[in-house]
Protein backbone atom coordinates (compact mmCIF):
# COMPACT_ATOMS: atom_id res chain seq x y z
CA UNK A 1 -30.14 64.23 41.81
CA UNK A 2 -29.42 62.52 45.09
CA UNK A 3 -30.34 64.49 48.19
CA UNK A 4 -28.54 64.45 51.51
CA UNK A 5 -31.62 64.37 53.73
CA UNK A 6 -32.05 61.51 56.17
CA UNK A 7 -34.56 58.89 55.04
CA UNK A 8 -36.59 56.58 57.23
CA UNK A 9 -37.58 53.48 55.27
CA UNK A 10 -39.91 50.74 56.45
CA UNK A 11 -42.28 48.08 55.14
CA UNK A 12 -46.00 48.71 55.59
CA UNK A 13 -48.11 45.56 55.88
CA UNK A 14 -51.26 47.68 55.56
CA UNK A 15 -50.15 49.23 52.27
CA UNK A 16 -48.02 46.28 51.07
CA UNK A 17 -45.19 48.59 50.07
CA UNK A 18 -42.09 50.31 51.37
CA UNK A 19 -42.69 53.76 52.86
CA UNK A 20 -39.99 56.44 52.93
CA UNK A 21 -40.28 59.46 55.21
CA UNK A 22 -38.04 62.55 55.17
CA UNK A 23 -38.24 63.88 58.75
CA UNK A 24 -36.49 67.18 57.98
CA UNK A 25 -39.07 68.09 55.31
CA UNK A 26 -42.47 68.12 56.98
CA UNK A 27 -44.96 65.87 55.22
CA UNK A 28 -42.43 64.67 52.65
CA UNK A 29 -42.83 60.95 51.99
CA UNK A 30 -43.19 58.41 49.19
CA UNK A 31 -43.70 54.72 48.66
CA UNK A 32 -42.74 51.92 46.31
CA UNK A 33 -43.21 48.22 45.77
CA UNK A 34 -39.47 47.67 46.28
CA UNK A 35 -36.91 49.32 48.53
CA UNK A 36 -35.10 50.86 45.55
CA UNK A 37 -38.31 52.05 43.93
CA UNK A 38 -39.36 53.77 47.16
CA UNK A 39 -36.01 55.57 47.45
CA UNK A 40 -36.14 56.58 43.77
CA UNK A 41 -39.68 57.92 44.24
CA UNK A 42 -38.80 59.92 47.34
CA UNK A 43 -35.91 61.61 45.50
CA UNK A 44 -38.49 63.01 43.05
CA UNK A 45 -40.79 64.05 45.90
CA UNK A 46 -37.93 65.79 47.74
CA UNK A 47 -37.22 67.92 44.66
CA UNK A 48 -40.93 68.73 44.28
CA UNK A 49 -41.14 69.62 47.99
CA UNK A 50 -38.19 72.00 47.63
CA UNK A 51 -39.58 73.59 44.44
CA UNK A 52 -42.96 74.14 46.08
CA UNK A 53 -41.36 75.65 49.20
CA UNK A 54 -39.36 78.06 47.01
CA UNK A 55 -42.48 79.10 45.10
CA UNK A 56 -44.31 79.76 48.36
CA UNK A 57 -41.36 81.61 49.90
CA UNK A 58 -40.99 79.07 52.69
CA UNK A 59 -37.66 78.18 54.28
CA UNK A 60 -35.90 75.05 53.06
CA UNK A 61 -34.03 73.23 55.83
CA UNK A 62 -30.42 72.30 55.19
CA UNK A 63 -29.77 68.56 55.49
CA UNK A 64 -28.64 68.01 59.07
CA UNK A 65 -27.32 64.50 58.64
CA UNK A 66 -28.03 61.82 61.20
CA UNK A 67 -30.96 62.69 63.42
CA UNK A 68 -31.34 61.42 66.95
CA UNK A 69 -34.56 59.80 68.12
CA UNK A 70 -35.58 58.81 71.63
């Protein structure tokens, strides 16, 4: 399943991999050795984040689309 949450993707020299953060889901992030692998991995993590939030009775933010940063 492909989510509609905004993803921030960048290369980490320290980790030697791509990092993907999901700003709307606190603490939700993944990595991968390639750009595509990182995005594929974060899709799994997003679903796990949502399942865990449901189990704990926590609110699940709706995807807001493009976020604005200063």
